[in-house]
Protein backbone atom coordinates (compact mmCIF):
# COMPACT_ATOMS: atom_id res chain seq x y z
CA UNK A 1 -100.48 -28.02 9.92
CA UNK A 2 -97.29 -28.94 11.70
CA UNK A 3 -93.53 -29.27 11.42
CA UNK A 4 -92.09 -32.07 9.32
CA UNK A 5 -88.87 -33.32 7.77
CA UNK A 6 -89.21 -34.11 4.08
CA UNK A 7 -86.84 -35.74 1.58
CA UNK A 8 -85.78 -33.29 -1.13
CA UNK A 9 -87.97 -33.55 -4.23
CA UNK A 10 -91.03 -35.02 -2.51
CA UNK A 11 -94.54 -33.57 -2.53
CA UNK A 12 -96.02 -32.57 0.84
CA UNK A 13 -99.73 -32.10 1.46
CA UNK A 14 -100.76 -29.74 4.24
CA UNK A 15 -104.29 -30.65 5.33
CA UNK A 16 -106.09 -27.83 7.11
CA UNK A 17 -109.23 -28.30 9.16
CA UNK A 18 -111.08 -25.26 10.47
CA UNK A 19 -113.38 -25.50 13.48
CA UNK A 20 -115.90 -22.98 14.74
CA UNK A 21 -117.05 -20.35 12.29
CA UNK A 22 -116.75 -21.25 8.61
CA UNK A 23 -113.54 -19.68 7.28
CA UNK A 24 -113.69 -16.61 5.09
CA UNK A 25 -110.87 -16.28 2.60
CA UNK A 26 -108.75 -19.21 3.95
CA UNK A 27 -105.13 -18.91 2.85
CA UNK A 28 -101.85 -20.65 3.19
CA UNK A 29 -98.90 -18.28 3.49
CA UNK A 30 -95.30 -19.42 3.04
CA UNK A 31 -91.76 -18.22 2.59
CA UNK A 32 -88.49 -19.86 1.65
CA UNK A 33 -84.92 -18.76 0.92
CA UNK A 34 -85.77 -17.76 -2.65
CA UNK A 35 -88.92 -15.84 -1.56
CA UNK A 36 -88.24 -14.09 1.78
CA UNK A 37 -91.55 -12.19 1.52
CA UNK A 38 -94.68 -14.13 2.49
CA UNK A 39 -96.37 -15.72 -0.55
CA UNK A 40 -100.10 -16.45 -0.40
CA UNK A 41 -102.38 -19.01 -2.00
CA UNK A 42 -106.13 -19.37 -1.48
CA UNK A 43 -107.25 -22.67 0.06
CA UNK A 44 -110.14 -24.53 -1.53
CA UNK A 45 -112.46 -26.79 0.46
CA UNK A 46 -112.25 -30.45 -0.52
CA UNK A 47 -115.09 -32.97 -0.41
CA UNK A 48 -114.10 -34.11 3.09
CA UNK A 49 -114.40 -30.59 4.60
CA UNK A 50 -110.66 -30.01 4.73
CA UNK A 51 -108.57 -27.38 2.97
CA UNK A 52 -105.50 -29.11 1.53
CA UNK A 53 -102.49 -27.55 -0.15
CA UNK A 54 -99.72 -29.48 -1.89
CA UNK A 55 -96.15 -28.23 -1.96
CA UNK A 56 -94.89 -29.93 -5.14
CA UNK A 57 -91.31 -31.14 -5.54
CA UNK A 58 -90.06 -29.47 -2.36
CA UNK A 59 -86.42 -28.42 -2.84
CA UNK A 60 -85.73 -26.16 0.16
CA UNK A 61 -86.95 -25.48 3.68
CA UNK A 62 -90.31 -23.70 3.85
CA UNK A 63 -91.94 -21.77 6.69
CA UNK A 64 -95.71 -21.57 6.48
CA UNK A 65 -98.83 -20.54 8.34
CA UNK A 66 -102.57 -20.66 7.74
CA UNK A 67 -104.86 -17.63 7.87
CA UNK A 68 -108.65 -17.30 7.83
CA UNK A 69 -111.17 -14.80 9.15
CA UNK A 70 -109.21 -12.71 11.67
CA UNK A 71 -106.81 -15.43 12.81
CA UNK A 72 -103.36 -16.59 11.76
CA UNK A 73 -101.92 -19.91 12.93
CA UNK A 74 -98.51 -20.45 14.44
CA UNK A 75 -95.64 -20.74 11.97
CA UNK A 76 -94.50 -24.22 10.99
CA UNK A 77 -91.43 -25.49 9.15
CA UNK A 78 -91.02 -28.09 6.45
CA UNK A 79 -87.34 -28.97 6.71
CA UNK A 80 -85.85 -30.70 3.69
CA UNK A 81 -83.02 -33.19 3.79
CA UNK A 82 -81.12 -35.30 1.32
CA UNK A 83 -81.85 -38.91 2.26
CA UNK A 84 -78.93 -41.30 2.43
CA UNK A 85 -78.57 -43.50 -0.63
CA UNK A 86 -76.15 -45.98 -2.13
CA UNK A 87 -73.69 -44.14 -4.36
CA UNK A 88 -71.81 -47.28 -5.41
CA UNK A 89 -72.35 -50.98 -4.74
CA UNK A 90 -69.77 -53.72 -5.24
CA UNK A 91 -70.42 -57.40 -4.55
CA UNK A 92 -67.68 -60.02 -4.48
CA UNK A 93 -69.00 -63.55 -4.97
CA UNK A 94 -66.81 -66.49 -3.94
CA UNK A 95 -68.26 -69.75 -5.20
CA UNK A 96 -67.78 -72.99 -3.23
CA UNK A 97 -64.26 -74.42 -3.30
CA UNK A 98 -65.32 -77.52 -5.26
CA UNK A 99 -66.02 -75.31 -8.31
CA UNK A 100 -62.31 -74.40 -8.47
CA UNK A 101 -63.20 -70.98 -9.90
CA UNK A 102 -62.09 -67.51 -8.97
CA UNK A 103 -64.30 -64.81 -7.50
CA UNK A 104 -66.94 -62.92 -9.47
CA UNK A 105 -67.31 -59.15 -9.09
CA UNK A 106 -70.46 -57.19 -9.84
CA UNK A 107 -71.95 -53.74 -9.32
CA UNK A 108 -75.60 -54.66 -9.81
CA UNK A 109 -77.75 -55.59 -6.78
CA UNK A 110 -79.36 -58.69 -8.33
CA UNK A 111 -77.31 -61.73 -7.32
CA UNK A 112 -77.46 -65.10 -9.05
CA UNK A 113 -74.92 -67.61 -7.80
CA UNK A 114 -74.57 -71.19 -6.55
CA UNK A 115 -75.86 -71.93 -3.08
CA UNK A 116 -73.11 -71.98 -0.42
CA UNK A 117 -71.34 -69.13 -2.20
CA UNK A 118 -70.10 -66.25 -0.08
CA UNK A 119 -71.16 -62.71 -0.94
CA UNK A 120 -69.22 -59.73 0.34
CA UNK A 121 -71.19 -56.49 -0.03
CA UNK A 122 -69.33 -53.18 -0.10
CA UNK A 123 -71.28 -49.97 -0.49
CA UNK A 124 -70.36 -46.33 -0.68
CA UNK A 125 -73.12 -44.06 0.68
CA UNK A 126 -73.93 -40.55 -0.51
CA UNK A 127 -73.56 -39.18 3.03
CA UNK A 128 -72.02 -40.12 6.36
CA UNK A 129 -74.01 -42.91 8.01
CA UNK A 130 -74.81 -43.94 11.56
CA UNK A 131 -75.62 -47.50 10.46
CA UNK A 132 -76.24 -49.71 7.44
CA UNK A 133 -77.71 -53.18 7.08
CA UNK A 134 -79.11 -55.72 4.65
CA UNK A 135 -82.63 -56.87 5.53
CA UNK A 136 -84.02 -60.11 4.06
CA UNK A 137 -87.59 -61.29 3.44
CA UNK A 138 -86.76 -64.92 4.26
CA UNK A 139 -84.59 -64.31 7.34
CA UNK A 140 -85.66 -62.85 10.67
CA UNK A 141 -82.32 -61.18 11.33
CA UNK A 142 -80.70 -58.45 9.29
CA UNK A 143 -77.00 -58.37 8.42
CA UNK A 144 -75.40 -55.29 10.01
CA UNK A 145 -72.70 -53.77 7.83
CA UNK A 146 -69.45 -52.50 9.35
CA UNK A 147 -68.01 -49.08 8.59
CA UNK A 148 -64.53 -48.95 7.08
CA UNK A 149 -62.03 -46.11 7.60
CA UNK A 150 -62.64 -44.91 4.02
CA UNK A 151 -66.39 -44.39 4.71
CA UNK A 152 -67.56 -47.50 2.87
CA UNK A 153 -69.64 -50.20 4.58
CA UNK A 154 -69.11 -53.96 4.24
CA UNK A 155 -70.71 -57.22 5.26
CA UNK A 156 -70.34 -60.87 4.29
CA UNK A 157 -72.87 -63.68 4.18
CA UNK A 158 -73.23 -67.20 2.86
CA UNK A 159 -76.03 -67.58 0.34
CA UNK A 160 -78.20 -70.55 1.30
CA UNK A 161 -81.54 -69.74 -0.36
CA UNK A 162 -83.36 -67.33 -2.64
CA UNK A 163 -84.69 -64.23 -0.88
CA UNK A 164 -85.52 -60.59 -1.51
CA UNK A 165 -83.37 -58.03 0.27
CA UNK A 166 -83.31 -54.35 1.05
CA UNK A 167 -80.45 -52.03 1.91
CA UNK A 168 -81.36 -49.94 4.97
CA UNK A 169 -79.32 -46.82 5.71
CA UNK A 170 -79.52 -44.49 8.70
CA UNK A 171 -77.75 -41.14 8.43
CA UNK A 172 -76.22 -39.32 11.38
CA UNK A 173 -79.58 -37.80 12.36
CA UNK A 174 -81.15 -41.31 12.31
CA UNK A 175 -83.29 -40.60 9.26
CA UNK A 176 -83.78 -43.89 7.47
CA UNK A 177 -84.06 -44.62 3.80
CA UNK A 178 -84.66 -48.03 2.25
CA UNK A 179 -83.23 -48.84 -1.15
CA UNK A 180 -85.33 -50.40 -3.88
CA UNK A 181 -86.39 -54.03 -3.54
CA UNK A 182 -83.85 -56.32 -5.10
CA UNK A 183 -83.32 -60.07 -5.32
CA UNK A 184 -80.70 -62.37 -3.91
């Protein structure tokens, strides 16, 4: 048992290990905003001598404690948060001058363009961010994105080779969330 911060909608397993006397009637007790009274569920011993309980699809903060024999643990909190995510992505692709073509605009993260093209990424996050960056599998350094007055984040790079990339976001409390693997 312990305190934790959990993205909304995730499952959380509380693994309980009792020492000393074997527990009689081990229980997990919890309460949340929709159930202010303590709810109780019996804990079953697993094959590895622990007593796990899974909170499925956690949607709100939960306070919980563990009880067995004549003892009750301290109270712990599972605090939920909405992780930062990309609400909208826009990529402007400027091909090399020798192509004599205008820019391409796309909203999908997969980029396919001539080498030496310039890509300007502009993303709108779902929440206020502390930082944002693009991280690449074939480059040691990430591209830090700059915040704009309208809350969007931008960054520009020249495309020189094929590589996978991730969009890393850090919200104001420094909780990080990586976007799905995409290709550049």
